[in-house]
N, C-alpha and C. Protein backbone atom coordinates (compact mmCIF):
# COMPACT_ATOMS: atom_id res chain seq x y z
N MET A 1 1.08 -1.30 0.11
CA MET A 1 0.08 -0.35 -0.37
C MET A 1 1.37 1.15 -0.15
N SER A 2 0.49 2.21 -0.81
CA SER A 2 1.29 3.65 -1.23
C SER A 2 0.96 4.23 0.11
N PRO A 3 2.24 4.64 0.99
CA PRO A 3 2.45 5.97 1.80
C PRO A 3 0.69 7.00 1.81
N ILE A 4 0.79 7.67 0.86
CA ILE A 4 -0.49 7.92 0.29
C ILE A 4 -1.53 7.64 0.75
N VAL A 5 -1.91 6.41 0.56
CA VAL A 5 -3.32 5.50 0.96
C VAL A 5 -3.05 5.11 2.36
N SER A 6 -1.90 4.93 3.25
CA SER A 6 -1.81 4.56 4.11
C SER A 6 -2.30 5.70 5.55
N GLY A 7 -1.52 7.03 4.71
CA GLY A 7 -1.76 8.12 5.57
C GLY A 7 -2.74 8.63 5.52
N LEU A 8 -4.04 8.62 4.51
CA LEU A 8 -5.47 8.72 4.23
C LEU A 8 -6.37 8.12 4.92
N LEU A 9 -5.67 7.00 5.03
CA LEU A 9 -6.63 5.87 5.74
C LEU A 9 -6.57 6.31 7.29
N LEU A 10 -5.30 6.67 7.64
CA LEU A 10 -5.09 6.84 9.40
C LEU A 10 -5.63 7.91 9.59
N MET A 11 -5.51 9.17 8.67
CA MET A 11 -6.66 10.45 9.12
C MET A 11 -7.61 10.20 9.37
N THR A 12 -8.24 9.34 8.68
CA THR A 12 -9.57 9.09 8.74
C THR A 12 -10.15 8.59 9.61
N PHE A 13 -9.38 7.41 9.89
CA PHE A 13 -9.30 7.40 11.70
C PHE A 13 -9.56 8.33 12.63
N GLY A 14 -8.52 8.89 12.78
CA GLY A 14 -8.39 10.21 13.74
C GLY A 14 -9.82 10.97 13.71
N ALA A 15 -10.11 11.10 12.15
CA ALA A 15 -10.85 12.24 12.31
C ALA A 15 -12.87 11.15 13.05
N PHE A 16 -12.81 10.10 12.89
CA PHE A 16 -13.87 8.62 13.36
C PHE A 16 -13.51 9.41 14.78
N LEU A 17 -12.06 9.20 15.51
CA LEU A 17 -11.94 9.54 16.81
C LEU A 17 -12.42 10.59 17.36
N ALA A 18 -12.29 11.09 16.65
CA ALA A 18 -12.69 12.85 16.92
C ALA A 18 -14.37 13.07 16.84
N GLY A 19 -15.19 12.80 16.01
CA GLY A 19 -16.48 12.47 16.11
C GLY A 19 -16.70 11.39 17.34
N GLY A 20 -16.15 10.71 17.53
CA GLY A 20 -16.62 9.97 18.81
C GLY A 20 -16.49 10.86 19.94
N ALA A 21 -15.53 11.40 19.92
CA ALA A 21 -15.20 12.32 21.05
C ALA A 21 -16.12 13.25 21.23
N ILE A 22 -16.45 14.43 20.19
CA ILE A 22 -17.59 14.79 20.32
C ILE A 22 -18.90 14.72 20.84
N SER A 23 -19.13 13.06 20.37
CA SER A 23 -20.52 12.56 20.65
C SER A 23 -20.66 12.25 22.36
N PHE A 24 -19.50 12.16 22.76
CA PHE A 24 -19.15 11.56 24.38
C PHE A 24 -19.65 12.45 25.00
N ARG A 25 -19.24 14.32 24.16
CA ARG A 25 -19.29 15.03 24.87
C ARG A 25 -20.70 15.85 25.26
N LYS A 26 -21.85 15.44 24.02
CA LYS A 26 -23.04 15.55 23.77
C LYS A 26 -23.57 14.49 24.72
N GLN A 27 -23.11 13.54 24.66
CA GLN A 27 -23.48 12.68 26.00
C GLN A 27 -23.32 12.74 27.18
N LYS A 28 -22.42 13.60 27.42
CA LYS A 28 -22.17 13.76 28.50
C LYS A 28 -21.43 12.56 29.36
N ILE A 29 -20.64 11.93 29.14
CA ILE A 29 -19.94 10.76 29.18
C ILE A 29 -18.93 11.76 29.63
N THR A 30 -17.99 10.57 30.95
CA THR A 30 -16.67 10.84 31.58
C THR A 30 -15.67 11.85 30.42
N VAL A 31 -15.54 13.11 31.32
CA VAL A 31 -14.55 13.70 30.96
C VAL A 31 -13.09 12.48 30.17
N ILE A 32 -12.52 11.96 31.07
CA ILE A 32 -11.72 10.66 31.06
C ILE A 32 -11.29 10.48 29.50
N ALA A 33 -12.64 10.03 29.77
CA ALA A 33 -12.81 8.97 27.82
C ALA A 33 -13.21 10.31 26.94
N GLN A 34 -13.03 11.39 27.14
CA GLN A 34 -12.95 12.41 25.69
C GLN A 34 -11.56 12.75 25.84
N ILE A 35 -11.21 12.66 26.64
CA ILE A 35 -9.77 13.36 27.06
C ILE A 35 -8.89 12.13 26.18
N VAL A 36 -9.16 11.22 26.42
CA VAL A 36 -8.41 9.61 25.51
C VAL A 36 -8.72 9.59 23.88
N LEU A 37 -10.07 9.99 23.88
CA LEU A 37 -10.03 9.82 22.26
C LEU A 37 -9.85 11.08 21.78
N TRP A 38 -9.62 12.41 22.21
CA TRP A 38 -9.36 13.39 21.90
C TRP A 38 -7.74 13.37 21.43
N VAL A 39 -6.78 12.85 22.56
CA VAL A 39 -5.58 12.35 22.27
C VAL A 39 -5.34 11.35 21.02
N LEU A 40 -5.99 10.53 21.49
CA LEU A 40 -5.63 9.29 20.02
C LEU A 40 -6.06 9.68 19.06
N ALA A 41 -7.28 10.44 18.50
CA ALA A 41 -7.73 11.29 17.56
C ALA A 41 -6.84 12.22 16.53
N VAL A 42 -5.99 12.73 17.52
CA VAL A 42 -4.99 13.82 17.43
C VAL A 42 -3.42 12.84 16.95
N ALA A 43 -3.23 11.63 17.97
CA ALA A 43 -2.28 11.35 17.14
C ALA A 43 -1.94 10.80 15.80
N PHE A 44 -3.27 9.71 15.90
CA PHE A 44 -3.41 9.12 14.39
C PHE A 44 -3.36 9.95 13.44
N PHE A 45 -3.87 11.00 13.63
CA PHE A 45 -4.25 12.24 12.62
C PHE A 45 -2.73 12.58 12.18
N ALA A 46 -2.39 13.04 13.31
CA ALA A 46 -0.83 13.54 12.80
C ALA A 46 0.28 12.20 12.50
N TYR A 47 0.04 11.43 12.96
CA TYR A 47 0.70 10.26 11.90
C TYR A 47 0.64 9.73 10.80
N GLY A 48 -0.67 9.88 10.42
CA GLY A 48 -1.30 9.84 9.07
C GLY A 48 -0.24 11.19 7.91
N PHE A 49 -0.67 12.34 8.86
CA PHE A 49 0.36 13.32 7.60
C PHE A 49 1.57 13.09 7.76
N TYR A 50 2.12 12.88 8.60
CA TYR A 50 3.76 12.24 8.40
C TYR A 50 3.64 10.84 7.66
N VAL A 51 2.81 10.04 7.91
CA VAL A 51 2.94 8.83 6.48
C VAL A 51 2.66 9.92 5.16
N THR A 52 1.65 10.73 5.09
CA THR A 52 1.70 11.09 3.45
C THR A 52 2.99 11.38 2.85
N THR A 53 4.10 12.65 4.24
CA THR A 53 4.80 12.96 3.90
C THR A 53 6.08 12.35 3.23
N LEU A 54 5.51 10.96 3.47
CA LEU A 54 7.27 9.72 3.14
C LEU A 54 7.34 10.11 2.46
N ASP A 55 6.38 10.30 0.67
CA ASP A 55 6.61 9.39 -0.23
C ASP A 55 6.82 10.82 -1.02
């Protein structure tokens, strides 16, 4: 799989996790769970961006 496709998939998964964090906030689920999802979302998105620059 090319770095562009891999990076875009990772960034898409990061966006999915960010959407989950927003949903958790609307459902008033614990702040710890929201923070964990936001950290994972940013990490996946940043790593996906890094992978796309490898090409």
